[in-house]
Amino acid sequence: MTVHDDRAAANRGSTLTLTDGGIETALVDRLGQELPEFAAFVLLQSVDGRAALREYYRPFVELAAERGLPLVLDTPTWRANPDWGARVGADTAALAQANGDAVALVREASEDRGDEVPLDVIINGCVGPRYDEFVPAERMTAEEAERYHSQQVVALAEAGADRVTAVTMLDAAEGIGVIRAAQAARIPVAVSFAVGADGLLGDGSTVAEAIAAADAATDAAAIGFLVNCAHPSEVTLGLSASAGAPELERIIGFRLNAAEQGDEGAGDPPATFAAGVHALRSLAPNAVALGGCCGTDVPHIRALAEV
């Protein structure tokens, strides 16, 4: 798939594109899996683990087929990068194998249906951050981020992922590095930023500012940008400060949390969550890929389809 074609697939006018939900929390809560370091890719190493992954994806595929909607499925590779892989005993060769196996499993899961209904599915190679927290002394330059993430991006591209997305990025520099790594690997790329309770990225920038920086440094090479791993109210707070900015037109989707940060409860019920996500389209009119992150599962995505 070319960059032009993938950009068109990501922006289908007013057509909703579903995504899956919060894979790690769903694997733990719905399917009873143990994820060391919150690393879902470790499940690829066993028969039971692969079965759990297929069971995670199955209802999202069924929902998209039922509704006749396009679907984006993320690979379970948020932690399948060098530093996090080392924490669970995965070396360079093991990580390359895991990223390749992940693409194959998700593609198989997307095709494992008992009917002949055509389904438009994008297999998205998920590239997670090097660090979970924003510590200025630990942040990478764009050049360092490109070198760090290239191994995973290449593995996902060679395995046949339709595109890659840098997920839960805390500043523009790391996102720029992934974009450049994807350009070198000749695979379409998106960047998804995470924001705090104040609606800002870890370095204090707005989403609009981070998009502007990434586009300026890469000649707008990304197919678009998303926001994930935050509650709709937190994202609303951040985007409202930049309302009307042209950078917000570059947002192609939201994959958000059911609960506000610091809230240990179950979070919003599906209908409330879906209404909050849908309302964000008034600030980001090109956001059509809608789905979930932490604390969300099939009911939340079904509610989005109903909205």
C-alpha atoms as a PDB file:
ATOM      1  CA  MET A   1       0.000   0.000   0.000  1.00  0.00           C
ATOM      2  CA  THR A   2       1.449   3.392  -0.941  1.00  0.00           C
ATOM      3  CA  VAL A   3       1.548   6.442   1.309  1.00  0.00           C
ATOM      4  CA  HIS A   4      -1.066   8.082  -0.922  1.00  0.00           C
ATOM      5  CA  ASP A   5      -3.361   5.081  -0.698  1.00  0.00           C
ATOM      6  CA  ASP A   6      -2.891   4.758   3.054  1.00  0.00           C
ATOM      7  CA  ARG A   7      -3.618   8.442   3.595  1.00  0.00           C
ATOM      8  CA  ALA A   8      -6.857   7.952   1.693  1.00  0.00           C
ATOM      9  CA  ALA A   9      -7.672   4.869   3.772  1.00  0.00           C
ATOM     10  CA  ALA A  10      -7.056   6.798   6.972  1.00  0.00           C
ATOM     11  CA  ASN A  11      -9.280   9.700   5.913  1.00  0.00           C
ATOM     12  CA  ARG A  12     -12.553   8.391   4.556  1.00  0.00           C
ATOM     13  CA  GLY A  13     -14.483  11.628   4.843  1.00  0.00           C
ATOM     14  CA  SER A  14     -17.286  11.062   7.330  1.00  0.00           C
ATOM     15  CA  THR A  15     -16.927   7.276   7.390  1.00  0.00           C
ATOM     16  CA  LEU A  16     -16.125   5.980  10.834  1.00  0.00           C
ATOM     17  CA  THR A  17     -13.164   3.644  11.047  1.00  0.00           C
ATOM     18  CA  LEU A  18     -13.167   1.435  14.125  1.00  0.00           C
ATOM     19  CA  THR A  19     -10.051   0.356  15.987  1.00  0.00           C
ATOM     20  CA  ASP A  20      -9.567  -2.223  18.684  1.00  0.00           C
ATOM     21  CA  GLY A  21      -9.505  -1.236  22.354  1.00  0.00           C
ATOM     22  CA  GLY A  22      -7.006  -1.277  25.190  1.00  0.00           C
ATOM     23  CA  ILE A  23      -5.242  -4.514  24.385  1.00  0.00           C
ATOM     24  CA  GLU A  24      -3.134  -4.828  27.536  1.00  0.00           C
ATOM     25  CA  THR A  25      -5.948  -4.076  29.990  1.00  0.00           C
ATOM     26  CA  ALA A  26      -8.362  -6.291  28.030  1.00  0.00           C
ATOM     27  CA  LEU A  27      -5.903  -9.186  28.005  1.00  0.00           C
ATOM     28  CA  VAL A  28      -5.563  -8.891  31.778  1.00  0.00           C
ATOM     29  CA  ASP A  29      -9.176  -8.126  32.729  1.00  0.00           C
ATOM     30  CA  ARG A  30     -11.166 -10.067  30.113  1.00  0.00           C
ATOM     31  CA  LEU A  31      -8.802 -12.897  29.324  1.00  0.00           C
ATOM     32  CA  GLY A  32      -6.895 -13.359  32.586  1.00  0.00           C
ATOM     33  CA  GLN A  33      -3.421 -13.049  31.113  1.00  0.00           C
ATOM     34  CA  GLU A  34      -0.269 -12.032  32.974  1.00  0.00           C
ATOM     35  CA  LEU A  35       1.796  -9.422  31.166  1.00  0.00           C
ATOM     36  CA  PRO A  36       5.260  -8.780  32.623  1.00  0.00           C
ATOM     37  CA  GLU A  37       6.122  -5.086  32.176  1.00  0.00           C
ATOM     38  CA  PHE A  38       2.702  -4.796  30.471  1.00  0.00           C
ATOM     39  CA  ALA A  39       4.258  -6.518  27.444  1.00  0.00           C
ATOM     40  CA  ALA A  40       1.604  -8.254  25.349  1.00  0.00           C
ATOM     41  CA  PHE A  41       4.107  -9.555  22.813  1.00  0.00           C
ATOM     42  CA  VAL A  42       5.318 -12.187  25.300  1.00  0.00           C
ATOM     43  CA  LEU A  43       2.065 -14.076  24.652  1.00  0.00           C
ATOM     44  CA  LEU A  44       3.304 -14.895  21.150  1.00  0.00           C
ATOM     45  CA  GLN A  45       5.735 -17.372  22.714  1.00  0.00           C
ATOM     46  CA  SER A  46       3.109 -19.932  23.740  1.00  0.00           C
ATOM     47  CA  VAL A  47       0.130 -21.733  22.242  1.00  0.00           C
ATOM     48  CA  ASP A  48      -2.158 -20.493  25.022  1.00  0.00           C
ATOM     49  CA  GLY A  49      -0.852 -16.954  24.678  1.00  0.00           C
ATOM     50  CA  ARG A  50      -1.466 -16.865  20.940  1.00  0.00           C
ATOM     51  CA  ALA A  51      -4.970 -18.230  21.531  1.00  0.00           C
ATOM     52  CA  ALA A  52      -5.628 -15.403  24.005  1.00  0.00           C
ATOM     53  CA  LEU A  53      -4.457 -12.826  21.482  1.00  0.00           C
ATOM     54  CA  ARG A  54      -6.734 -14.243  18.787  1.00  0.00           C
ATOM     55  CA  GLU A  55      -9.630 -14.201  21.239  1.00  0.00           C
ATOM     56  CA  TYR A  56      -8.853 -10.563  22.031  1.00  0.00           C
ATOM     57  CA  TYR A  57      -9.099  -9.531  18.365  1.00  0.00           C
ATOM     58  CA  ARG A  58     -12.028 -11.778  17.379  1.00  0.00           C
ATOM     59  CA  PRO A  59     -14.950  -9.644  18.641  1.00  0.00           C
ATOM     60  CA  PHE A  60     -13.565  -6.455  17.072  1.00  0.00           C
ATOM     61  CA  VAL A  61     -13.382  -8.188  13.703  1.00  0.00           C
ATOM     62  CA  GLU A  62     -16.918  -9.484  14.152  1.00  0.00           C
ATOM     63  CA  LEU A  63     -18.178  -6.010  15.108  1.00  0.00           C
ATOM     64  CA  ALA A  64     -16.606  -4.368  12.066  1.00  0.00           C
ATOM     65  CA  ALA A  65     -18.043  -7.056   9.779  1.00  0.00           C
ATOM     66  CA  GLU A  66     -21.452  -6.708  11.389  1.00  0.00           C
ATOM     67  CA  ARG A  67     -21.470  -2.930  10.913  1.00  0.00           C
ATOM     68  CA  GLY A  68     -19.733  -2.919   7.534  1.00  0.00           C
ATOM     69  CA  LEU A  69     -17.082  -0.521   8.804  1.00  0.00           C
ATOM     70  CA  PRO A  70     -13.341  -0.327   8.148  1.00  0.00           C
ATOM     71  CA  LEU A  71     -11.130  -1.554  10.985  1.00  0.00           C
ATOM     72  CA  VAL A  72      -7.633  -0.771  12.234  1.00  0.00           C
ATOM     73  CA  LEU A  73      -6.018  -3.491  14.358  1.00  0.00           C
ATOM     74  CA  ASP A  74      -2.846  -2.749  16.304  1.00  0.00           C
ATOM     75  CA  THR A  75      -0.195  -5.421  16.689  1.00  0.00           C
ATOM     76  CA  PRO A  76       0.585  -6.402  20.324  1.00  0.00           C
ATOM     77  CA  THR A  77       4.044  -4.823  20.064  1.00  0.00           C
ATOM     78  CA  TRP A  78       3.860  -1.672  22.212  1.00  0.00           C
ATOM     79  CA  ARG A  79       6.711  -3.043  24.357  1.00  0.00           C
ATOM     80  CA  ALA A  80       8.614  -4.897  21.603  1.00  0.00           C
ATOM     81  CA  ASN A  81      11.514  -2.450  21.465  1.00  0.00           C
ATOM     82  CA  PRO A  82      15.092  -2.884  22.786  1.00  0.00           C
ATOM     83  CA  ASP A  83      14.906  -1.509  26.343  1.00  0.00           C
ATOM     84  CA  TRP A  84      11.555  -3.034  27.233  1.00  0.00           C
ATOM     85  CA  GLY A  85      12.402  -6.269  25.456  1.00  0.00           C
ATOM     86  CA  ALA A  86      15.527  -6.614  27.576  1.00  0.00           C
ATOM     87  CA  ARG A  87      13.388  -6.381  30.720  1.00  0.00           C
ATOM     88  CA  VAL A  88      11.506  -9.520  29.708  1.00  0.00           C
ATOM     89  CA  GLY A  89      14.522 -11.371  28.362  1.00  0.00           C
ATOM     90  CA  ALA A  90      14.039 -10.679  24.630  1.00  0.00           C
ATOM     91  CA  ASP A  91      17.221  -9.946  22.691  1.00  0.00           C
ATOM     92  CA  THR A  92      17.511  -8.422  19.215  1.00  0.00           C
ATOM     93  CA  ALA A  93      16.717 -11.662  17.394  1.00  0.00           C
ATOM     94  CA  ALA A  94      13.774 -12.440  19.668  1.00  0.00           C
ATOM     95  CA  LEU A  95      12.317  -8.974  19.160  1.00  0.00           C
ATOM     96  CA  ALA A  96      12.591  -9.232  15.384  1.00  0.00           C
ATOM     97  CA  GLN A  97      10.805 -12.583  15.561  1.00  0.00           C
ATOM     98  CA  ALA A  98       8.112 -11.204  17.878  1.00  0.00           C
ATOM     99  CA  ASN A  99       7.355  -8.209  15.684  1.00  0.00           C
ATOM    100  CA  GLY A 100       7.114 -10.414  12.608  1.00  0.00           C
ATOM    101  CA  ASP A 101       4.977 -13.003  14.365  1.00  0.00           C
ATOM    102  CA  ALA A 102       2.690 -10.259  15.668  1.00  0.00           C
ATOM    103  CA  VAL A 103       1.884  -8.986  12.189  1.00  0.00           C
ATOM    104  CA  ALA A 104       1.180 -12.514  10.974  1.00  0.00           C
ATOM    105  CA  LEU A 105      -1.092 -13.320  13.920  1.00  0.00           C
ATOM    106  CA  VAL A 106      -3.145 -10.127  13.603  1.00  0.00           C
ATOM    107  CA  ARG A 107      -3.571 -10.604   9.880  1.00  0.00           C
ATOM    108  CA  GLU A 108      -4.719 -14.193  10.458  1.00  0.00           C
ATOM    109  CA  ALA A 109      -7.124 -12.994  13.154  1.00  0.00           C
ATOM    110  CA  SER A 110      -8.572 -10.399  10.783  1.00  0.00           C
ATOM    111  CA  GLU A 111      -9.278 -13.080   8.206  1.00  0.00           C
ATOM    112  CA  ASP A 112     -10.623 -15.731  10.595  1.00  0.00           C
ATOM    113  CA  ARG A 113     -14.347 -15.234  10.067  1.00  0.00           C
ATOM    114  CA  GLY A 114     -17.121 -17.685   9.420  1.00  0.00           C
ATOM    115  CA  ASP A 115     -18.697 -15.576   6.682  1.00  0.00           C
ATOM    116  CA  GLU A 116     -17.691 -14.140   3.341  1.00  0.00           C
ATOM    117  CA  VAL A 117     -18.424 -10.495   4.181  1.00  0.00           C
ATOM    118  CA  PRO A 118     -15.564  -8.351   2.792  1.00  0.00           C
ATOM    119  CA  LEU A 119     -13.756  -6.510   5.547  1.00  0.00           C
ATOM    120  CA  ASP A 120     -11.465  -3.521   5.061  1.00  0.00           C
ATOM    121  CA  VAL A 121      -8.703  -4.025   7.657  1.00  0.00           C
ATOM    122  CA  ILE A 122      -5.477  -2.092   8.200  1.00  0.00           C
ATOM    123  CA  ILE A 123      -2.840  -4.012  10.156  1.00  0.00           C
ATOM    124  CA  ASN A 124      -1.055  -1.328  12.135  1.00  0.00           C
ATOM    125  CA  GLY A 125       2.397  -2.025  13.553  1.00  0.00           C
ATOM    126  CA  CYS A 126       2.378  -0.549  17.046  1.00  0.00           C
ATOM    127  CA  VAL A 127       5.644   1.174  18.073  1.00  0.00           C
ATOM    128  CA  GLY A 128       5.727   2.133  21.733  1.00  0.00           C
ATOM    129  CA  PRO A 129       7.870   4.720  23.515  1.00  0.00           C
ATOM    130  CA  ARG A 130      11.282   4.104  25.015  1.00  0.00           C
ATOM    131  CA  TYR A 131      10.209   5.587  28.359  1.00  0.00           C
ATOM    132  CA  ASP A 132       6.830   5.779  30.065  1.00  0.00           C
ATOM    133  CA  GLU A 133       7.513   8.990  31.984  1.00  0.00           C
ATOM    134  CA  PHE A 134       8.790  12.333  30.776  1.00  0.00           C
ATOM    135  CA  VAL A 135      12.168  12.850  32.445  1.00  0.00           C
ATOM    136  CA  PRO A 136      14.049  15.594  30.584  1.00  0.00           C
ATOM    137  CA  ALA A 137      17.453  13.969  31.108  1.00  0.00           C
ATOM    138  CA  GLU A 138      16.214  10.743  29.499  1.00  0.00           C
ATOM    139  CA  ARG A 139      14.628  12.231  26.400  1.00  0.00           C
ATOM    140  CA  MET A 140      16.079  11.402  22.996  1.00  0.00           C
ATOM    141  CA  THR A 141      16.829  13.691  20.106  1.00  0.00           C
ATOM    142  CA  ALA A 142      15.025  12.903  16.865  1.00  0.00           C
ATOM    143  CA  GLU A 143      18.235  11.343  15.540  1.00  0.00           C
ATOM    144  CA  GLU A 144      18.604   9.136  18.601  1.00  0.00           C
ATOM    145  CA  ALA A 145      14.933   8.135  18.374  1.00  0.00           C
ATOM    146  CA  GLU A 146      15.338   7.161  14.727  1.00  0.00           C
ATOM    147  CA  ARG A 147      18.260   4.885  15.569  1.00  0.00           C
ATOM    148  CA  TYR A 148      16.489   3.409  18.595  1.00  0.00           C
ATOM    149  CA  HIS A 149      13.194   2.602  16.822  1.00  0.00           C
ATOM    150  CA  SER A 150      14.541   1.583  13.412  1.00  0.00           C
ATOM    151  CA  GLN A 151      14.975  -2.065  14.380  1.00  0.00           C
ATOM    152  CA  GLN A 152      11.307  -2.475  15.259  1.00  0.00           C
ATOM    153  CA  VAL A 153      10.014  -0.402  12.354  1.00  0.00           C
ATOM    154  CA  VAL A 154      12.025  -2.469   9.875  1.00  0.00           C
ATOM    155  CA  ALA A 155      10.794  -5.737  11.397  1.00  0.00           C
ATOM    156  CA  LEU A 156       7.162  -4.624  11.180  1.00  0.00           C
ATOM    157  CA  ALA A 157       7.601  -3.383   7.611  1.00  0.00           C
ATOM    158  CA  GLU A 158       9.310  -6.566   6.455  1.00  0.00           C
ATOM    159  CA  ALA A 159       6.538  -8.634   8.042  1.00  0.00           C
ATOM    160  CA  GLY A 160       3.954  -6.880   5.887  1.00  0.00           C
ATOM    161  CA  ALA A 161       2.287  -4.408   8.241  1.00  0.00           C
ATOM    162  CA  ASP A 162       0.168  -1.911   6.307  1.00  0.00           C
ATOM    163  CA  ARG A 163       1.546   0.978   8.341  1.00  0.00           C
ATOM    164  CA  VAL A 164       3.194   1.739  11.670  1.00  0.00           C
ATOM    165  CA  THR A 165       2.113   4.134  14.394  1.00  0.00           C
ATOM    166  CA  ALA A 166       4.290   5.615  17.113  1.00  0.00           C
ATOM    167  CA  VAL A 167       1.980   5.282  20.122  1.00  0.00           C
ATOM    168  CA  THR A 168       1.874   7.225  23.429  1.00  0.00           C
ATOM    169  CA  MET A 169       4.582   9.624  22.298  1.00  0.00           C
ATOM    170  CA  LEU A 170       5.410  12.200  24.971  1.00  0.00           C
ATOM    171  CA  ASP A 171       7.162  14.752  22.768  1.00  0.00           C
ATOM    172  CA  ALA A 172       7.586  15.593  19.110  1.00  0.00           C
ATOM    173  CA  ALA A 173      11.232  14.457  18.906  1.00  0.00           C
ATOM    174  CA  GLU A 174      10.526  10.768  19.462  1.00  0.00           C
ATOM    175  CA  GLY A 175       7.657  10.895  16.990  1.00  0.00           C
ATOM    176  CA  ILE A 176       9.922  12.533  14.424  1.00  0.00           C
ATOM    177  CA  GLY A 177      12.431   9.724  14.908  1.00  0.00           C
ATOM    178  CA  VAL A 178       9.799   7.076  14.187  1.00  0.00           C
ATOM    179  CA  ILE A 179       8.574   8.967  11.125  1.00  0.00           C
ATOM    180  CA  ARG A 180      12.109   9.062   9.741  1.00  0.00           C
ATOM    181  CA  ALA A 181      12.658   5.388  10.513  1.00  0.00           C
ATOM    182  CA  ALA A 182       9.429   4.574   8.662  1.00  0.00           C
ATOM    183  CA  GLN A 183      10.462   6.699   5.700  1.00  0.00           C
ATOM    184  CA  ALA A 184      13.721   4.754   5.487  1.00  0.00           C
ATOM    185  CA  ALA A 185      11.780   1.476   5.690  1.00  0.00           C
ATOM    186  CA  ARG A 186       9.295   2.741   3.081  1.00  0.00           C
ATOM    187  CA  ILE A 187       6.187   2.132   5.182  1.00  0.00           C
ATOM    188  CA  PRO A 188       3.376   4.629   5.893  1.00  0.00           C
ATOM    189  CA  VAL A 189       3.466   6.072   9.399  1.00  0.00           C
ATOM    190  CA  ALA A 190       1.296   7.932  11.884  1.00  0.00           C
ATOM    191  CA  VAL A 191       2.145   9.376  15.294  1.00  0.00           C
ATOM    192  CA  SER A 192      -0.144   9.193  18.319  1.00  0.00           C
ATOM    193  CA  PHE A 193       0.569  11.551  21.198  1.00  0.00           C
ATOM    194  CA  ALA A 194      -0.356  11.005  24.838  1.00  0.00           C
ATOM    195  CA  VAL A 195      -1.376  13.927  27.028  1.00  0.00           C
ATOM    196  CA  GLY A 196      -1.590  14.428  30.773  1.00  0.00           C
ATOM    197  CA  ALA A 197      -4.517  15.551  32.900  1.00  0.00           C
ATOM    198  CA  ASP A 198      -3.797  19.111  31.736  1.00  0.00           C
ATOM    199  CA  GLY A 199      -4.168  18.116  28.094  1.00  0.00           C
ATOM    200  CA  LEU A 200      -0.498  18.773  27.344  1.00  0.00           C
ATOM    201  CA  LEU A 201       2.348  16.499  26.270  1.00  0.00           C
ATOM    202  CA  GLY A 202       5.090  15.601  28.705  1.00  0.00           C
ATOM    203  CA  ASP A 203       7.283  18.510  27.609  1.00  0.00           C
ATOM    204  CA  GLY A 204       4.447  20.988  28.126  1.00  0.00           C
ATOM    205  CA  SER A 205       3.620  21.447  24.450  1.00  0.00           C
ATOM    206  CA  THR A 206       0.133  21.290  23.010  1.00  0.00           C
ATOM    207  CA  VAL A 207      -0.858  18.598  20.541  1.00  0.00           C
ATOM    208  CA  ALA A 208      -1.042  21.278  17.839  1.00  0.00           C
ATOM    209  CA  GLU A 209       2.512  22.420  18.613  1.00  0.00           C
ATOM    210  CA  ALA A 210       3.820  18.838  18.520  1.00  0.00           C
ATOM    211  CA  ILE A 211       2.118  18.212  15.169  1.00  0.00           C
ATOM    212  CA  ALA A 212       3.584  21.428  13.765  1.00  0.00           C
ATOM    213  CA  ALA A 213       7.079  20.440  14.928  1.00  0.00           C
ATOM    214  CA  ALA A 214       6.802  16.911  13.512  1.00  0.00           C
ATOM    215  CA  ASP A 215       5.492  18.127  10.173  1.00  0.00           C
ATOM    216  CA  ALA A 216       8.164  20.818   9.896  1.00  0.00           C
ATOM    217  CA  ALA A 217      10.956  18.319  10.583  1.00  0.00           C
ATOM    218  CA  THR A 218       9.677  15.661   8.162  1.00  0.00           C
ATOM    219  CA  ASP A 219       8.030  17.645   5.385  1.00  0.00           C
ATOM    220  CA  ALA A 220       4.643  16.424   6.628  1.00  0.00           C
ATOM    221  CA  ALA A 221       5.553  12.805   5.850  1.00  0.00           C
ATOM    222  CA  ALA A 222       3.157  11.227   8.360  1.00  0.00           C
ATOM    223  CA  ILE A 223      -0.264  10.214   7.073  1.00  0.00           C
ATOM    224  CA  GLY A 224      -1.668  11.931  10.159  1.00  0.00           C
ATOM    225  CA  PHE A 225      -1.692  12.107  13.934  1.00  0.00           C
ATOM    226  CA  LEU A 226      -3.765  10.654  16.740  1.00  0.00           C
ATOM    227  CA  VAL A 227      -4.163  11.109  20.474  1.00  0.00           C
ATOM    228  CA  ASN A 228      -4.296   8.117  22.793  1.00  0.00           C
ATOM    229  CA  CYS A 229      -4.017   7.009  26.431  1.00  0.00           C
ATOM    230  CA  ALA A 230      -5.973   9.923  27.885  1.00  0.00           C
ATOM    231  CA  HIS A 231      -9.598  10.517  28.863  1.00  0.00           C
ATOM    232  CA  PRO A 232     -11.828  12.448  26.417  1.00  0.00           C
ATOM    233  CA  SER A 233     -12.171  15.302  28.910  1.00  0.00           C
ATOM    234  CA  GLU A 234      -8.384  15.655  29.161  1.00  0.00           C
ATOM    235  CA  VAL A 235      -7.978  15.694  25.395  1.00  0.00           C
ATOM    236  CA  THR A 236     -10.795  18.232  25.091  1.00  0.00           C
ATOM    237  CA  LEU A 237      -8.985  20.505  27.537  1.00  0.00           C
ATOM    238  CA  GLY A 238      -5.780  20.359  25.518  1.00  0.00           C
ATOM    239  CA  LEU A 239      -7.292  20.725  22.067  1.00  0.00           C
ATOM    240  CA  SER A 240      -9.643  23.545  23.080  1.00  0.00           C
ATOM    241  CA  ALA A 241      -6.631  25.765  23.716  1.00  0.00           C
ATOM    242  CA  SER A 242      -5.729  25.372  20.024  1.00  0.00           C
ATOM    243  CA  ALA A 243      -9.265  25.404  18.625  1.00  0.00           C
ATOM    244  CA  GLY A 244      -9.257  26.331  14.954  1.00  0.00           C
ATOM    245  CA  ALA A 245      -5.531  25.707  14.482  1.00  0.00           C
ATOM    246  CA  PRO A 246      -4.811  24.106  11.102  1.00  0.00           C
ATOM    247  CA  GLU A 247      -2.668  21.463  12.821  1.00  0.00           C
ATOM    248  CA  LEU A 248      -5.812  19.957  14.340  1.00  0.00           C
ATOM    249  CA  GLU A 249      -6.956  19.071  10.826  1.00  0.00           C
ATOM    250  CA  ARG A 250      -4.036  16.622  10.759  1.00  0.00           C
ATOM    251  CA  ILE A 251      -5.590  14.546  13.554  1.00  0.00           C
ATOM    252  CA  ILE A 252      -7.020  11.368  12.022  1.00  0.00           C
ATOM    253  CA  GLY A 253      -8.140   9.548  15.149  1.00  0.00           C
ATOM    254  CA  PHE A 254      -8.532   9.098  18.878  1.00  0.00           C
ATOM    255  CA  ARG A 255      -7.869   5.996  20.979  1.00  0.00           C
ATOM    256  CA  LEU A 256      -8.726   7.058  24.491  1.00  0.00           C
ATOM    257  CA  ASN A 257      -9.051   5.821  28.066  1.00  0.00           C
ATOM    258  CA  ALA A 258     -12.266   5.089  29.893  1.00  0.00           C
ATOM    259  CA  ALA A 259     -11.064   6.790  33.091  1.00  0.00           C
ATOM    260  CA  GLU A 260      -9.376  10.073  33.911  1.00  0.00           C
ATOM    261  CA  GLN A 261      -5.754   9.858  35.025  1.00  0.00           C
ATOM    262  CA  GLY A 262      -5.502   9.004  38.713  1.00  0.00           C
ATOM    263  CA  ASP A 263      -8.969   7.440  38.749  1.00  0.00           C
ATOM    264  CA  GLU A 264      -8.652   3.799  39.803  1.00  0.00           C
ATOM    265  CA  GLY A 265     -12.301   3.017  39.120  1.00  0.00           C
ATOM    266  CA  ALA A 266     -13.901   1.357  36.110  1.00  0.00           C
ATOM    267  CA  GLY A 267     -14.164   4.640  34.234  1.00  0.00           C
ATOM    268  CA  ASP A 268     -16.973   5.844  32.009  1.00  0.00           C
ATOM    269  CA  PRO A 269     -19.640   3.411  30.870  1.00  0.00           C
ATOM    270  CA  PRO A 270     -19.441   2.709  27.139  1.00  0.00           C
ATOM    271  CA  ALA A 271     -22.156   5.154  26.049  1.00  0.00           C
ATOM    272  CA  THR A 272     -20.629   8.034  28.011  1.00  0.00           C
ATOM    273  CA  PHE A 273     -17.164   7.203  26.715  1.00  0.00           C
ATOM    274  CA  ALA A 274     -18.395   7.093  23.124  1.00  0.00           C
ATOM    275  CA  ALA A 275     -20.180  10.426  23.445  1.00  0.00           C
ATOM    276  CA  GLY A 276     -17.014  12.035  24.803  1.00  0.00           C
ATOM    277  CA  VAL A 277     -14.879  10.681  21.975  1.00  0.00           C
ATOM    278  CA  HIS A 278     -17.403  11.654  19.320  1.00  0.00           C
ATOM    279  CA  ALA A 279     -17.623  15.210  20.675  1.00  0.00           C
ATOM    280  CA  LEU A 280     -13.910  15.660  19.993  1.00  0.00           C
ATOM    281  CA  ARG A 281     -14.626  15.637  16.265  1.00  0.00           C
ATOM    282  CA  SER A 282     -15.886  19.212  16.624  1.00  0.00           C
ATOM    283  CA  LEU A 283     -12.256  20.156  17.385  1.00  0.00           C
ATOM    284  CA  ALA A 284     -10.619  17.669  15.004  1.00  0.00           C
ATOM    285  CA  PRO A 285     -12.995  17.273  12.038  1.00  0.00           C
ATOM    286  CA  ASN A 286     -10.819  14.765  10.160  1.00  0.00           C
ATOM    287  CA  ALA A 287     -10.640  12.314  13.071  1.00  0.00           C
ATOM    288  CA  VAL A 288     -12.439   9.227  11.783  1.00  0.00           C
ATOM    289  CA  ALA A 289     -10.411   6.378  13.329  1.00  0.00           C
ATOM    290  CA  LEU A 290     -12.024   5.976  16.721  1.00  0.00           C
ATOM    291  CA  GLY A 291     -11.222   3.380  19.352  1.00  0.00           C
ATOM    292  CA  GLY A 292      -9.928   2.729  22.813  1.00  0.00           C
ATOM    293  CA  CYS A 293      -6.907   2.543  25.027  1.00  0.00           C
ATOM    294  CA  CYS A 294      -6.596   1.693  28.735  1.00  0.00           C
ATOM    295  CA  GLY A 295      -9.744   0.357  30.356  1.00  0.00           C
ATOM    296  CA  THR A 296     -11.697  -0.036  27.115  1.00  0.00           C
ATOM    297  CA  ASP A 297     -12.851  -3.183  25.384  1.00  0.00           C
ATOM    298  CA  VAL A 298     -15.471  -4.393  22.932  1.00  0.00           C
ATOM    299  CA  PRO A 299     -18.484  -2.650  24.602  1.00  0.00           C
ATOM    300  CA  HIS A 300     -16.770   0.729  24.281  1.00  0.00           C
ATOM    301  CA  ILE A 301     -15.990   0.202  20.605  1.00  0.00           C
ATOM    302  CA  ARG A 302     -19.505  -1.040  19.951  1.00  0.00           C
ATOM    303  CA  ALA A 303     -20.821   2.151  21.561  1.00  0.00           C
ATOM    304  CA  LEU A 304     -18.614   4.199  19.234  1.00  0.00           C
ATOM    305  CA  ALA A 305     -20.072   2.355  16.246  1.00  0.00           C
ATOM    306  CA  GLU A 306     -23.572   3.130  17.514  1.00  0.00           C
ATOM    307  CA  VAL A 307     -22.808   6.829  17.964  1.00  0.00           C
END
